[in-house]
C-alpha atoms as a PDB file:
ATOM      1  CA  MET A   1      22.310 -19.204 -42.749  1.00  0.00           C
ATOM      2  CA  SER A   2      22.189 -17.763 -39.193  1.00  0.00           C
ATOM      3  CA  GLN A   3      18.984 -16.570 -37.587  1.00  0.00           C
ATOM      4  CA  LEU A   4      20.091 -12.926 -37.791  1.00  0.00           C
ATOM      5  CA  THR A   5      21.070 -13.264 -41.465  1.00  0.00           C
ATOM      6  CA  ASP A   6      17.738 -14.903 -42.149  1.00  0.00           C
ATOM      7  CA  ILE A   7      15.967 -11.909 -40.631  1.00  0.00           C
ATOM      8  CA  GLN A   8      17.964  -9.574 -42.847  1.00  0.00           C
ATOM      9  CA  SER A   9      17.114 -11.510 -45.992  1.00  0.00           C
ATOM     10  CA  ARG A  10      13.414 -11.431 -45.182  1.00  0.00           C
ATOM     11  CA  GLU A  11      13.460  -7.698 -44.453  1.00  0.00           C
ATOM     12  CA  GLY A  12      15.248  -6.846 -47.695  1.00  0.00           C
ATOM     13  CA  GLU A  13      16.669  -3.739 -46.029  1.00  0.00           C
ATOM     14  CA  GLN A  14      20.053  -2.565 -44.821  1.00  0.00           C
ATOM     15  CA  PRO A  15      21.922  -5.091 -42.687  1.00  0.00           C
ATOM     16  CA  LEU A  16      20.741  -5.158 -39.091  1.00  0.00           C
ATOM     17  CA  GLN A  17      23.064  -4.308 -36.236  1.00  0.00           C
ATOM     18  CA  ASN A  18      24.384  -7.351 -34.392  1.00  0.00           C
ATOM     19  CA  TYR A  19      24.302  -6.962 -30.623  1.00  0.00           C
ATOM     20  CA  THR A  20      25.146 -10.584 -29.895  1.00  0.00           C
ATOM     21  CA  GLN A  21      28.474  -9.715 -28.285  1.00  0.00           C
ATOM     22  CA  GLN A  22      26.871  -7.104 -26.019  1.00  0.00           C
ATOM     23  CA  LEU A  23      24.230  -9.596 -24.948  1.00  0.00           C
ATOM     24  CA  GLN A  24      26.783 -12.340 -24.342  1.00  0.00           C
ATOM     25  CA  HIS A  25      28.821  -9.938 -22.212  1.00  0.00           C
ATOM     26  CA  LEU A  26      25.809  -9.194 -19.998  1.00  0.00           C
ATOM     27  CA  MET A  27      24.950 -12.881 -19.833  1.00  0.00           C
ATOM     28  CA  GLN A  28      28.476 -13.698 -18.708  1.00  0.00           C
ATOM     29  CA  GLN A  29      28.253 -11.097 -15.948  1.00  0.00           C
ATOM     30  CA  ALA A  30      24.918 -12.563 -14.830  1.00  0.00           C
ATOM     31  CA  GLY A  31      26.190 -16.161 -14.977  1.00  0.00           C
ATOM     32  CA  ILE A  32      23.904 -17.232 -17.838  1.00  0.00           C
ATOM     33  CA  SER A  33      25.484 -19.902 -20.032  1.00  0.00           C
ATOM     34  CA  SER A  34      23.380 -19.808 -23.227  1.00  0.00           C
ATOM     35  CA  PHE A  35      20.623 -17.997 -25.083  1.00  0.00           C
ATOM     36  CA  GLN A  36      18.301 -20.896 -24.285  1.00  0.00           C
ATOM     37  CA  ALA A  37      19.049 -20.485 -20.580  1.00  0.00           C
ATOM     38  CA  LEU A  38      18.363 -16.757 -20.919  1.00  0.00           C
ATOM     39  CA  CYS A  39      14.953 -17.466 -22.455  1.00  0.00           C
ATOM     40  CA  GLN A  40      14.084 -19.933 -19.700  1.00  0.00           C
ATOM     41  CA  GLN A  41      15.238 -17.752 -16.797  1.00  0.00           C
ATOM     42  CA  ALA A  42      13.560 -14.607 -18.138  1.00  0.00           C
ATOM     43  CA  GLY A  43      10.439 -16.404 -19.319  1.00  0.00           C
ATOM     44  CA  VAL A  44      10.646 -14.870 -22.795  1.00  0.00           C
ATOM     45  CA  SER A  45      10.498 -16.366 -26.262  1.00  0.00           C
ATOM     46  CA  ARG A  46      13.454 -17.170 -28.483  1.00  0.00           C
ATOM     47  CA  TRP A  47      12.092 -14.689 -31.037  1.00  0.00           C
ATOM     48  CA  GLN A  48      12.327 -11.833 -28.501  1.00  0.00           C
ATOM     49  CA  VAL A  49      15.979 -12.618 -27.756  1.00  0.00           C
ATOM     50  CA  ILE A  50      16.702 -12.713 -31.495  1.00  0.00           C
ATOM     51  CA  GLN A  51      15.138  -9.255 -31.869  1.00  0.00           C
ATOM     52  CA  LEU A  52      17.404  -7.973 -29.115  1.00  0.00           C
ATOM     53  CA  ARG A  53      20.491  -9.440 -30.784  1.00  0.00           C
ATOM     54  CA  ALA A  54      19.420  -7.995 -34.134  1.00  0.00           C
ATOM     55  CA  GLY A  55      19.126  -4.449 -32.802  1.00  0.00           C
ATOM     56  CA  ARG A  56      15.338  -4.482 -33.053  1.00  0.00           C
ATOM     57  CA  ILE A  57      14.527  -3.686 -29.457  1.00  0.00           C
ATOM     58  CA  LYS A  58      11.581  -1.551 -30.601  1.00  0.00           C
ATOM     59  CA  GLN A  59       9.865  -4.709 -31.815  1.00  0.00           C
ATOM     60  CA  VAL A  60       9.842  -6.185 -28.297  1.00  0.00           C
ATOM     61  CA  ARG A  61       7.084  -5.278 -25.863  1.00  0.00           C
ATOM     62  CA  VAL A  62       7.964  -3.664 -22.553  1.00  0.00           C
ATOM     63  CA  GLU A  63       7.023  -6.678 -20.394  1.00  0.00           C
ATOM     64  CA  PRO A  64       9.641  -9.030 -21.938  1.00  0.00           C
ATOM     65  CA  LEU A  65      12.204  -6.213 -21.799  1.00  0.00           C
ATOM     66  CA  LEU A  66      11.583  -5.786 -18.078  1.00  0.00           C
ATOM     67  CA  LYS A  67      12.043  -9.528 -17.556  1.00  0.00           C
ATOM     68  CA  LEU A  68      15.273  -9.559 -19.574  1.00  0.00           C
ATOM     69  CA  ALA A  69      16.623  -6.541 -17.714  1.00  0.00           C
ATOM     70  CA  GLN A  70      15.913  -8.195 -14.372  1.00  0.00           C
ATOM     71  CA  VAL A  71      17.635 -11.456 -15.322  1.00  0.00           C
ATOM     72  CA  LEU A  72      20.603  -9.619 -16.862  1.00  0.00           C
ATOM     73  CA  GLN A  73      20.851  -7.505 -13.686  1.00  0.00           C
ATOM     74  CA  VAL A  74      20.561  -4.142 -15.424  1.00  0.00           C
ATOM     75  CA  SER A  75      17.877  -1.468 -15.424  1.00  0.00           C
ATOM     76  CA  LEU A  76      15.425  -1.061 -18.284  1.00  0.00           C
ATOM     77  CA  GLU A  77      17.070   2.256 -19.154  1.00  0.00           C
ATOM     78  CA  GLU A  78      20.501   0.583 -19.361  1.00  0.00           C
ATOM     79  CA  LEU A  79      19.056  -2.122 -21.595  1.00  0.00           C
ATOM     80  CA  LEU A  80      17.677   0.546 -23.928  1.00  0.00           C
ATOM     81  CA  LEU A  81      20.967   2.411 -23.955  1.00  0.00           C
ATOM     82  CA  ILE A  82      22.958  -0.700 -24.817  1.00  0.00           C
ATOM     83  CA  PHE A  83      20.665  -2.223 -27.444  1.00  0.00           C
ATOM     84  CA  GLY A  84      19.003   0.911 -28.811  1.00  0.00           C
ATOM     85  CA  ASN A  85      22.052   2.766 -30.167  1.00  0.00           C
ATOM     86  CA  SER A  86      22.286   3.455 -33.885  1.00  0.00           C
ATOM     87  CA  THR A  87      25.886   2.242 -33.904  1.00  0.00           C
ATOM     88  CA  VAL A  88      27.374  -0.997 -32.626  1.00  0.00           C
ATOM     89  CA  VAL A  89      28.935  -0.592 -29.202  1.00  0.00           C
ATOM     90  CA  ASN A  90      32.277  -2.139 -28.403  1.00  0.00           C
ATOM     91  CA  PRO A  91      31.707  -5.011 -25.942  1.00  0.00           C
ATOM     92  CA  SER A  92      34.462  -3.639 -23.712  1.00  0.00           C
ATOM     93  CA  ARG A  93      32.340  -0.495 -23.317  1.00  0.00           C
ATOM     94  CA  VAL A  94      29.048  -2.237 -22.708  1.00  0.00           C
ATOM     95  CA  ASP A  95      28.813  -0.802 -19.207  1.00  0.00           C
ATOM     96  CA  LYS A  96      29.507   2.733 -20.509  1.00  0.00           C
ATOM     97  CA  PRO A  97      26.998   3.447 -23.318  1.00  0.00           C
ATOM     98  CA  ASP A  98      27.704   6.107 -25.967  1.00  0.00           C
ATOM     99  CA  ASN A  99      26.817   9.594 -24.734  1.00  0.00           C
ATOM    100  CA  ASP A 100      26.251  11.180 -28.139  1.00  0.00           C
ATOM    101  CA  GLN A 101      23.518  13.794 -27.665  1.00  0.00           C
ATOM    102  CA  SER A 102      21.381  12.743 -30.620  1.00  0.00           C
ATOM    103  CA  ASP A 103      21.485   9.101 -29.583  1.00  0.00           C
ATOM    104  CA  SER A 104      20.692  10.027 -25.983  1.00  0.00           C
ATOM    105  CA  LEU A 105      17.669  12.058 -27.063  1.00  0.00           C
ATOM    106  CA  ALA A 106      16.379   9.215 -29.224  1.00  0.00           C
ATOM    107  CA  LEU A 107      16.850   6.750 -26.379  1.00  0.00           C
ATOM    108  CA  ARG A 108      15.086   8.985 -23.881  1.00  0.00           C
ATOM    109  CA  LEU A 109      12.143   9.261 -26.258  1.00  0.00           C
ATOM    110  CA  GLU A 110      12.129   5.491 -26.689  1.00  0.00           C
ATOM    111  CA  TYR A 111      12.269   5.027 -22.924  1.00  0.00           C
ATOM    112  CA  GLN A 112       9.306   7.365 -22.514  1.00  0.00           C
ATOM    113  CA  ARG A 113       7.425   5.384 -25.163  1.00  0.00           C
ATOM    114  CA  LEU A 114       8.034   2.161 -23.287  1.00  0.00           C
ATOM    115  CA  GLU A 115       6.975   3.771 -20.009  1.00  0.00           C
ATOM    116  CA  GLN A 116       3.741   4.867 -21.674  1.00  0.00           C
ATOM    117  CA  GLN A 117       3.244   1.352 -23.013  1.00  0.00           C
ATOM    118  CA  LEU A 118       3.761  -0.056 -19.519  1.00  0.00           C
ATOM    119  CA  LEU A 119       1.226   2.426 -18.134  1.00  0.00           C
ATOM    120  CA  GLN A 120      -1.300   1.329 -20.733  1.00  0.00           C
ATOM    121  CA  GLN A 121      -0.727  -2.315 -19.825  1.00  0.00           C
ATOM    122  CA  ARG A 122      -1.298  -1.484 -16.155  1.00  0.00           C
ATOM    123  CA  GLN A 123      -4.546   0.251 -17.088  1.00  0.00           C
ATOM    124  CA  VAL A 124      -5.654  -2.834 -19.002  1.00  0.00           C
ATOM    125  CA  LEU A 125      -4.832  -5.050 -16.008  1.00  0.00           C
ATOM    126  CA  TRP A 126      -6.736  -2.691 -13.709  1.00  0.00           C
ATOM    127  CA  GLN A 127      -9.760  -2.815 -15.994  1.00  0.00           C
ATOM    128  CA  GLU A 128      -9.583  -6.621 -16.050  1.00  0.00           C
ATOM    129  CA  PHE A 129      -9.407  -6.633 -12.246  1.00  0.00           C
ATOM    130  CA  GLN A 130     -12.448  -4.364 -12.026  1.00  0.00           C
ATOM    131  CA  GLN A 131     -14.357  -6.583 -14.440  1.00  0.00           C
ATOM    132  CA  THR A 132     -13.516  -9.713 -12.433  1.00  0.00           C
ATOM    133  CA  THR A 133     -14.624  -8.001  -9.220  1.00  0.00           C
ATOM    134  CA  LEU A 134     -17.891  -6.865 -10.774  1.00  0.00           C
ATOM    135  CA  GLN A 135     -18.592 -10.408 -11.945  1.00  0.00           C
ATOM    136  CA  ALA A 136     -18.015 -11.718  -8.400  1.00  0.00           C
ATOM    137  CA  LEU A 137     -20.440  -9.114  -7.015  1.00  0.00           C
ATOM    138  CA  GLU A 138     -22.992  -9.391  -9.816  1.00  0.00           C
ATOM    139  CA  SER A 139     -25.836 -10.872  -7.750  1.00  0.00           C
ATOM    140  CA  PHE A 140     -25.284  -8.323  -4.968  1.00  0.00           C
ATOM    141  CA  LEU A 141     -25.154  -5.354  -7.329  1.00  0.00           C
ATOM    142  CA  LEU A 142     -28.317  -6.418  -9.147  1.00  0.00           C
ATOM    143  CA  GLN A 143     -30.450  -7.500  -6.188  1.00  0.00           C
ATOM    144  CA  TRP A 144     -29.396  -5.279  -3.286  1.00  0.00           C
ATOM    145  CA  PRO A 145     -30.958  -1.981  -4.477  1.00  0.00           C
ATOM    146  CA  THR A 146     -34.323  -3.687  -5.028  1.00  0.00           C
ATOM    147  CA  ALA A 147     -34.152  -5.456  -1.657  1.00  0.00           C
ATOM    148  CA  ALA A 148     -33.206  -2.218   0.117  1.00  0.00           C
ATOM    149  CA  TYR A 149     -36.095  -0.414  -1.576  1.00  0.00           C
ATOM    150  CA  ALA A 150     -38.537  -3.135  -0.506  1.00  0.00           C
ATOM    151  CA  ALA A 151     -37.255  -2.993   3.076  1.00  0.00           C
ATOM    152  CA  GLN A 152     -37.713   0.784   3.235  1.00  0.00           C
ATOM    153  CA  ASN A 153     -41.271   0.515   1.986  1.00  0.00           C
ATOM    154  CA  ASN A 154     -42.269  -2.464   4.107  1.00  0.00           C
ATOM    155  CA  LEU A 155     -41.149  -2.018   7.672  1.00  0.00           C
ATOM    156  CA  GLN A 156     -42.701  -5.345   8.609  1.00  0.00           C
ATOM    157  CA  ALA A 157     -40.440  -7.329   6.246  1.00  0.00           C
ATOM    158  CA  PRO A 158     -37.881  -9.385   8.206  1.00  0.00           C
ATOM    159  CA  ALA A 159     -34.347  -8.063   7.688  1.00  0.00           C
ATOM    160  CA  VAL A 160     -32.967 -11.599   7.878  1.00  0.00           C
ATOM    161  CA  LYS A 161     -34.098 -12.098   4.282  1.00  0.00           C
ATOM    162  CA  LEU A 162     -31.449  -9.581   3.182  1.00  0.00           C
ATOM    163  CA  LEU A 163     -28.532 -11.496   4.654  1.00  0.00           C
ATOM    164  CA  PRO A 164     -28.054 -13.985   1.766  1.00  0.00           C
ATOM    165  CA  LEU A 165     -27.592 -11.043  -0.613  1.00  0.00           C
ATOM    166  CA  VAL A 166     -24.419 -10.019   1.210  1.00  0.00           C
ATOM    167  CA  ARG A 167     -22.731 -13.418   0.802  1.00  0.00           C
ATOM    168  CA  PRO A 168     -20.991 -12.504  -2.516  1.00  0.00           C
ATOM    169  CA  VAL A 169     -19.222  -9.672  -0.704  1.00  0.00           C
ATOM    170  CA  GLU A 170     -18.196 -11.992   2.119  1.00  0.00           C
ATOM    171  CA  GLN A 171     -16.901 -14.574  -0.364  1.00  0.00           C
ATOM    172  CA  LEU A 172     -14.892 -11.912  -2.216  1.00  0.00           C
ATOM    173  CA  LEU A 173     -13.259 -10.720   1.012  1.00  0.00           C
ATOM    174  CA  LEU A 174     -12.448 -14.316   1.912  1.00  0.00           C
ATOM    175  CA  ALA A 175     -10.851 -14.887  -1.502  1.00  0.00           C
ATOM    176  CA  TRP A 176      -8.657 -11.817  -0.954  1.00  0.00           C
ATOM    177  CA  GLY A 177      -7.556 -13.060   2.469  1.00  0.00           C
ATOM    178  CA  ILE A 178      -9.355 -10.246   4.325  1.00  0.00           C
ATOM    179  CA  GLU A 179     -10.437 -11.141   7.866  1.00  0.00           C
ATOM    180  CA  ILE A 180     -13.055  -9.426  10.008  1.00  0.00           C
ATOM    181  CA  ILE A 181     -12.096  -8.052  13.421  1.00  0.00           C
ATOM    182  CA  GLY A 182     -15.358  -8.737  15.157  1.00  0.00           C
ATOM    183  CA  PRO A 183     -18.121  -9.821  15.092  1.00  0.00           C
ATOM    184  CA  VAL A 184     -20.563  -7.035  15.934  1.00  0.00           C
ATOM    185  CA  GLY A 185     -21.877  -7.333  19.490  1.00  0.00           C
ATOM    186  CA  ALA A 186     -18.959  -9.432  20.734  1.00  0.00           C
ATOM    187  CA  VAL A 187     -17.393  -8.567  24.070  1.00  0.00           C
ATOM    188  CA  THR A 188     -13.605  -8.673  23.931  1.00  0.00           C
ATOM    189  CA  PRO A 189     -10.562  -7.329  25.810  1.00  0.00           C
ATOM    190  CA  TYR A 190      -9.664  -3.847  24.625  1.00  0.00           C
ATOM    191  CA  ASN A 191      -6.617  -3.740  22.357  1.00  0.00           C
ATOM    192  CA  PRO A 192      -5.788  -0.215  21.116  1.00  0.00           C
ATOM    193  CA  GLN A 193      -3.832  -1.655  18.203  1.00  0.00           C
ATOM    194  CA  ILE A 194      -6.941  -3.141  16.603  1.00  0.00           C
ATOM    195  CA  HIS A 195      -9.751  -1.302  18.426  1.00  0.00           C
ATOM    196  CA  GLN A 196     -10.913   2.312  18.233  1.00  0.00           C
ATOM    197  CA  LEU A 197     -12.963   3.732  21.100  1.00  0.00           C
ATOM    198  CA  MET A 198     -16.140   5.482  20.018  1.00  0.00           C
ATOM    199  CA  GLU A 199     -16.743   6.982  23.443  1.00  0.00           C
ATOM    200  CA  GLY A 200     -15.461   6.976  27.003  1.00  0.00           C
ATOM    201  CA  ASN A 201     -12.156   5.547  28.172  1.00  0.00           C
ATOM    202  CA  ALA A 202     -10.722   2.063  28.502  1.00  0.00           C
ATOM    203  CA  GLN A 203      -7.431   0.526  29.497  1.00  0.00           C
ATOM    204  CA  PRO A 204      -5.869  -2.350  27.547  1.00  0.00           C
ATOM    205  CA  GLY A 205      -7.519  -5.556  28.736  1.00  0.00           C
ATOM    206  CA  ASN A 206     -10.790  -3.906  29.800  1.00  0.00           C
ATOM    207  CA  SER A 207     -13.930  -5.430  28.329  1.00  0.00           C
ATOM    208  CA  VAL A 208     -15.354  -3.566  25.338  1.00  0.00           C
ATOM    209  CA  LYS A 209     -18.190  -4.274  22.962  1.00  0.00           C
ATOM    210  CA  ILE A 210     -17.665  -4.227  19.206  1.00  0.00           C
ATOM    211  CA  ARG A 211     -20.014  -1.789  17.482  1.00  0.00           C
ATOM    212  CA  TYR A 212     -18.492  -1.794  13.971  1.00  0.00           C
ATOM    213  CA  VAL A 213     -16.209  -4.515  12.661  1.00  0.00           C
ATOM    214  CA  GLY A 214     -12.641  -3.877  11.533  1.00  0.00           C
ATOM    215  CA  TYR A 215     -10.649  -5.587   8.809  1.00  0.00           C
ATOM    216  CA  ARG A 216      -7.122  -6.896   8.345  1.00  0.00           C
ATOM    217  CA  GLN A 217      -5.333  -8.663   5.512  1.00  0.00           C
ATOM    218  CA  ALA A 218      -2.627 -11.028   6.744  1.00  0.00           C
ATOM    219  CA  ALA A 219      -0.389  -8.899   8.982  1.00  0.00           C
ATOM    220  CA  LYS A 220      -1.694  -5.586   7.577  1.00  0.00           C
ATOM    221  CA  LEU A 221      -4.374  -3.718   9.517  1.00  0.00           C
ATOM    222  CA  LEU A 222      -6.928  -2.150   7.165  1.00  0.00           C
ATOM    223  CA  TYR A 223      -9.498  -0.744   9.617  1.00  0.00           C
ATOM    224  CA  ARG A 224      -9.676  -0.891  13.389  1.00  0.00           C
ATOM    225  CA  ALA A 225     -12.898  -2.182  14.916  1.00  0.00           C
ATOM    226  CA  LYS A 226     -14.955   0.522  16.639  1.00  0.00           C
ATOM    227  CA  VAL A 227     -15.825  -0.356  20.221  1.00  0.00           C
ATOM    228  CA  SER A 228     -17.553   1.001  23.298  1.00  0.00           C
ATOM    229  CA  PRO A 229     -16.472   0.371  26.906  1.00  0.00           C
ATOM    230  CA  ILE A 230     -18.709  -1.744  29.100  1.00  0.00           C
ATOM    231  CA  ALA A 231     -19.842   0.060  32.230  1.00  0.00           C
ATOM    232  CA  GLY A 232     -18.161  -1.067  35.423  1.00  0.00           C
ATOM    233  CA  THR A 233     -15.024  -2.491  33.787  1.00  0.00           C
ATOM    234  CA  GLY A 234     -12.884   0.650  33.744  1.00  0.00           C
END
């Protein structure tokens, strides 16, 4: 008994559509030799490929579908059009899906559902990212407000005691590959590409003093450092 027939027997419903030929046609165009190779290249499970062959694309989550579409060199919409029809498509027409209006409407709705599912997954990932960031900054978030309050109410307290509280932020920036354009108080040649004058005028190469640090991540400039010209160097 084949895997697709086995699925049918377990479902106890009408026979499932068999999209094996359509999938093999796309695999041939993409230079993929076997279903096992497809699973390995796309990073999906054998079960997900079986669902595709059985015409049960709705059972597959959007992430594996995106991976399969990329490996098969088609768009997600094309994948839905080919494997989401209610009738079996002739392999010779696999690149020209059926344009029946009812089928097209159903496929558009299915595409919108998958887009919504992808959006929800992105929101989950964003929430996980926020949670990870909050965990990295936990000591800063909990201790900084109290330390700032104590500093405001005790002007004699040395500010140097506050510096260790900022280390979690520095470590997070380092982990993200963010570099400081600075440090504050440093005298450096003026470079308008990474420096922003706060006052006065300066020519490239003139000495300026960094007042507020800037930031860059790899080759991307995030914020230019704010600088002031040093008298007598203009």
